[in-house]
Amino acid sequence: MRQGSGRRAEHTVDERATVSLGLMRSFELLGKRWTGLIVAALMRRPAYFGELRRSIPGISERMLSHRLTELSEAGLLVREVDPGPPLRVSYQLTQTGEALRSVLGDLGSWAEKHLLDDTVAPRACGESDV
């Protein structure tokens, strides 16, 4: 690592910063592409699959289904099947999912302040991040 003086910083193993297990787990789930956007969309209200698909431009049905399954398994949302006809599936955040409201709000505010330029461009629709 370089410091402003041009000298290399010397670090011992004990001085290195370690990341908490909780933060690692958070980014394993929420750091995946689309996951945060799905949670943010569900912050407004429960939604049907088709509504979620339309509210997140560029996400494929397959990816949305995959991410919803992950979020459900992690306990952040519940999936409810509405009896038909037609058969419809809705999704709603759990208390655990709702607890992300302030975190996502803070993250959005930070991004508006610090990432206003287009240096972080979204990937093309066909790219995956499974």
C-alpha atoms as a PDB file:
ATOM      1  CA  MET A   1       0.000   0.000   0.000  1.00  0.00           C
ATOM      2  CA  ARG A   2       1.342   3.426  -0.872  1.00  0.00           C
ATOM      3  CA  GLN A   3       1.079   6.418   1.380  1.00  0.00           C
ATOM      4  CA  GLY A   4       1.236  10.035   0.282  1.00  0.00           C
ATOM      5  CA  SER A   5       4.966  10.280   1.038  1.00  0.00           C
ATOM      6  CA  GLY A   6       5.816   7.617  -1.540  1.00  0.00           C
ATOM      7  CA  ARG A   7       6.998   5.142   1.105  1.00  0.00           C
ATOM      8  CA  ARG A   8       5.504   1.690   1.386  1.00  0.00           C
ATOM      9  CA  ALA A   9       3.467   1.118   4.497  1.00  0.00           C
ATOM     10  CA  GLU A  10       4.624  -1.874   6.478  1.00  0.00           C
ATOM     11  CA  HIS A  11       1.910  -3.943   8.099  1.00  0.00           C
ATOM     12  CA  THR A  12       2.072  -6.907  10.359  1.00  0.00           C
ATOM     13  CA  VAL A  13      -0.599  -9.576  10.410  1.00  0.00           C
ATOM     14  CA  ASP A  14      -1.985  -8.208  13.699  1.00  0.00           C
ATOM     15  CA  GLU A  15      -2.470  -4.723  12.233  1.00  0.00           C
ATOM     16  CA  ARG A  16      -4.587  -5.817   9.253  1.00  0.00           C
ATOM     17  CA  ALA A  17      -8.233  -4.987   9.479  1.00  0.00           C
ATOM     18  CA  THR A  18     -10.628  -7.885   9.392  1.00  0.00           C
ATOM     19  CA  VAL A  19     -14.201  -7.743   8.204  1.00  0.00           C
ATOM     20  CA  SER A  20     -16.905  -8.913  10.570  1.00  0.00           C
ATOM     21  CA  LEU A  21     -18.746 -12.137   9.888  1.00  0.00           C
ATOM     22  CA  GLY A  22     -22.044 -10.242   9.913  1.00  0.00           C
ATOM     23  CA  LEU A  23     -20.851  -7.856   7.214  1.00  0.00           C
ATOM     24  CA  MET A  24     -19.568 -10.770   5.148  1.00  0.00           C
ATOM     25  CA  ARG A  25     -22.943 -12.522   5.409  1.00  0.00           C
ATOM     26  CA  SER A  26     -24.779  -9.310   4.525  1.00  0.00           C
ATOM     27  CA  PHE A  27     -22.804  -8.783   1.343  1.00  0.00           C
ATOM     28  CA  GLU A  28     -23.052 -12.461   0.386  1.00  0.00           C
ATOM     29  CA  LEU A  29     -26.798 -11.976   0.119  1.00  0.00           C
ATOM     30  CA  LEU A  30     -27.398  -8.275  -0.511  1.00  0.00           C
ATOM     31  CA  GLY A  31     -24.304  -7.747  -2.626  1.00  0.00           C
ATOM     32  CA  LYS A  32     -25.673  -9.923  -5.410  1.00  0.00           C
ATOM     33  CA  ARG A  33     -26.979  -8.122  -8.437  1.00  0.00           C
ATOM     34  CA  TRP A  34     -30.716  -7.311  -8.256  1.00  0.00           C
ATOM     35  CA  THR A  35     -31.197  -8.350  -4.620  1.00  0.00           C
ATOM     36  CA  GLY A  36     -31.164  -4.849  -3.137  1.00  0.00           C
ATOM     37  CA  LEU A  37     -33.492  -3.590  -5.863  1.00  0.00           C
ATOM     38  CA  ILE A  38     -35.987  -6.370  -5.164  1.00  0.00           C
ATOM     39  CA  VAL A  39     -35.965  -5.568  -1.445  1.00  0.00           C
ATOM     40  CA  ALA A  40     -36.327  -1.850  -2.220  1.00  0.00           C
ATOM     41  CA  ALA A  41     -39.294  -2.540  -4.513  1.00  0.00           C
ATOM     42  CA  LEU A  42     -40.981  -4.552  -1.768  1.00  0.00           C
ATOM     43  CA  MET A  43     -40.428  -1.726   0.739  1.00  0.00           C
ATOM     44  CA  ARG A  44     -43.254   0.164  -0.975  1.00  0.00           C
ATOM     45  CA  ARG A  45     -45.793  -2.642  -0.585  1.00  0.00           C
ATOM     46  CA  PRO A  46     -46.263  -6.367  -1.190  1.00  0.00           C
ATOM     47  CA  ALA A  47     -46.179  -7.160  -4.901  1.00  0.00           C
ATOM     48  CA  TYR A  48     -47.029  -9.861  -7.377  1.00  0.00           C
ATOM     49  CA  PHE A  49     -44.270 -11.446  -9.440  1.00  0.00           C
ATOM     50  CA  GLY A  50     -45.285  -9.561 -12.592  1.00  0.00           C
ATOM     51  CA  GLU A  51     -45.329  -6.226 -10.756  1.00  0.00           C
ATOM     52  CA  LEU A  52     -41.830  -6.853  -9.444  1.00  0.00           C
ATOM     53  CA  ARG A  53     -40.632  -7.814 -12.918  1.00  0.00           C
ATOM     54  CA  ARG A  54     -41.977  -4.554 -14.380  1.00  0.00           C
ATOM     55  CA  SER A  55     -40.598  -2.422 -11.542  1.00  0.00           C
ATOM     56  CA  ILE A  56     -36.999  -3.585 -12.066  1.00  0.00           C
ATOM     57  CA  PRO A  57     -35.959  -2.884 -15.671  1.00  0.00           C
ATOM     58  CA  GLY A  58     -33.542  -5.410 -17.114  1.00  0.00           C
ATOM     59  CA  ILE A  59     -34.116  -8.305 -14.724  1.00  0.00           C
ATOM     60  CA  SER A  60     -35.105 -11.580 -16.350  1.00  0.00           C
ATOM     61  CA  GLU A  61     -37.942 -13.712 -15.016  1.00  0.00           C
ATOM     62  CA  ARG A  62     -35.471 -16.496 -14.264  1.00  0.00           C
ATOM     63  CA  MET A  63     -33.171 -14.199 -12.273  1.00  0.00           C
ATOM     64  CA  LEU A  64     -36.078 -12.626 -10.404  1.00  0.00           C
ATOM     65  CA  SER A  65     -37.365 -16.065  -9.463  1.00  0.00           C
ATOM     66  CA  HIS A  66     -33.887 -17.125  -8.312  1.00  0.00           C
ATOM     67  CA  ARG A  67     -33.363 -14.018  -6.190  1.00  0.00           C
ATOM     68  CA  LEU A  68     -36.846 -14.256  -4.663  1.00  0.00           C
ATOM     69  CA  THR A  69     -36.106 -17.837  -3.644  1.00  0.00           C
ATOM     70  CA  GLU A  70     -32.825 -16.756  -2.013  1.00  0.00           C
ATOM     71  CA  LEU A  71     -34.518 -13.922  -0.141  1.00  0.00           C
ATOM     72  CA  SER A  72     -37.267 -16.244   1.037  1.00  0.00           C
ATOM     73  CA  GLU A  73     -34.754 -18.846   2.240  1.00  0.00           C
ATOM     74  CA  ALA A  74     -32.860 -16.097   4.086  1.00  0.00           C
ATOM     75  CA  GLY A  75     -36.067 -15.072   5.858  1.00  0.00           C
ATOM     76  CA  LEU A  76     -36.343 -11.613   4.284  1.00  0.00           C
ATOM     77  CA  LEU A  77     -39.617 -12.216   2.471  1.00  0.00           C
ATOM     78  CA  VAL A  78     -42.577 -14.530   2.352  1.00  0.00           C
ATOM     79  CA  ARG A  79     -44.181 -15.976  -0.744  1.00  0.00           C
ATOM     80  CA  GLU A  80     -47.952 -16.312  -0.775  1.00  0.00           C
ATOM     81  CA  VAL A  81     -49.954 -18.131  -3.434  1.00  0.00           C
ATOM     82  CA  ASP A  82     -53.324 -16.514  -4.108  1.00  0.00           C
ATOM     83  CA  PRO A  83     -55.890 -19.081  -5.207  1.00  0.00           C
ATOM     84  CA  GLY A  84     -57.021 -18.562  -8.777  1.00  0.00           C
ATOM     85  CA  PRO A  85     -58.170 -18.383 -11.251  1.00  0.00           C
ATOM     86  CA  PRO A  86     -55.791 -17.001 -12.201  1.00  0.00           C
ATOM     87  CA  LEU A  87     -53.178 -18.349  -9.828  1.00  0.00           C
ATOM     88  CA  ARG A  88     -51.007 -15.471  -8.609  1.00  0.00           C
ATOM     89  CA  VAL A  89     -47.979 -15.368  -6.337  1.00  0.00           C
ATOM     90  CA  SER A  90     -47.300 -12.349  -4.147  1.00  0.00           C
ATOM     91  CA  TYR A  91     -44.238 -11.431  -2.124  1.00  0.00           C
ATOM     92  CA  GLN A  92     -43.994  -9.460   1.080  1.00  0.00           C
ATOM     93  CA  LEU A  93     -41.111  -8.511   3.334  1.00  0.00           C
ATOM     94  CA  THR A  94     -40.863 -10.094   6.762  1.00  0.00           C
ATOM     95  CA  GLN A  95     -39.890  -8.075   9.834  1.00  0.00           C
ATOM     96  CA  THR A  96     -36.293  -9.020   9.052  1.00  0.00           C
ATOM     97  CA  GLY A  97     -36.655  -7.640   5.533  1.00  0.00           C
ATOM     98  CA  GLU A  98     -38.394  -4.494   6.789  1.00  0.00           C
ATOM     99  CA  ALA A  99     -35.461  -3.928   9.158  1.00  0.00           C
ATOM    100  CA  LEU A 100     -33.375  -3.077   6.061  1.00  0.00           C
ATOM    101  CA  ARG A 101     -35.465   0.042   5.376  1.00  0.00           C
ATOM    102  CA  SER A 102     -33.124   2.503   7.094  1.00  0.00           C
ATOM    103  CA  VAL A 103     -30.008   0.793   5.729  1.00  0.00           C
ATOM    104  CA  LEU A 104     -31.237   0.959   2.134  1.00  0.00           C
ATOM    105  CA  GLY A 105     -32.434   4.533   2.654  1.00  0.00           C
ATOM    106  CA  ASP A 106     -28.998   5.552   3.905  1.00  0.00           C
ATOM    107  CA  LEU A 107     -27.323   3.722   1.031  1.00  0.00           C
ATOM    108  CA  GLY A 108     -29.572   5.471  -1.504  1.00  0.00           C
ATOM    109  CA  SER A 109     -28.814   8.866   0.043  1.00  0.00           C
ATOM    110  CA  TRP A 110     -25.095   8.142  -0.019  1.00  0.00           C
ATOM    111  CA  ALA A 111     -25.265   7.108  -3.683  1.00  0.00           C
ATOM    112  CA  GLU A 112     -27.176  10.259  -4.656  1.00  0.00           C
ATOM    113  CA  LYS A 113     -24.515  12.361  -2.986  1.00  0.00           C
ATOM    114  CA  HIS A 114     -21.392  10.480  -4.098  1.00  0.00           C
ATOM    115  CA  LEU A 115     -22.287   8.524  -7.240  1.00  0.00           C
ATOM    116  CA  LEU A 116     -24.157  11.105  -9.286  1.00  0.00           C
ATOM    117  CA  ASP A 117     -21.880  10.720 -12.261  1.00  0.00           C
ATOM    118  CA  ASP A 118     -22.310   7.698 -14.504  1.00  0.00           C
ATOM    119  CA  THR A 119     -19.090   5.961 -13.469  1.00  0.00           C
ATOM    120  CA  VAL A 120     -21.033   2.977 -12.166  1.00  0.00           C
ATOM    121  CA  ALA A 121     -22.884   1.888 -15.290  1.00  0.00           C
ATOM    122  CA  PRO A 122     -25.341  -0.997 -15.174  1.00  0.00           C
ATOM    123  CA  ARG A 123     -24.414  -4.142 -17.073  1.00  0.00           C
ATOM    124  CA  ALA A 124     -26.217  -5.292 -20.169  1.00  0.00           C
ATOM    125  CA  CYS A 125     -29.444  -7.239 -19.635  1.00  0.00           C
ATOM    126  CA  GLY A 126     -27.981 -10.595 -20.652  1.00  0.00           C
ATOM    127  CA  GLU A 127     -25.198 -10.600 -18.096  1.00  0.00           C
ATOM    128  CA  SER A 128     -25.686 -12.749 -15.045  1.00  0.00           C
ATOM    129  CA  ASP A 129     -24.427 -12.591 -11.512  1.00  0.00           C
ATOM    130  CA  VAL A 130     -25.656 -15.807  -9.953  1.00  0.00           C
END
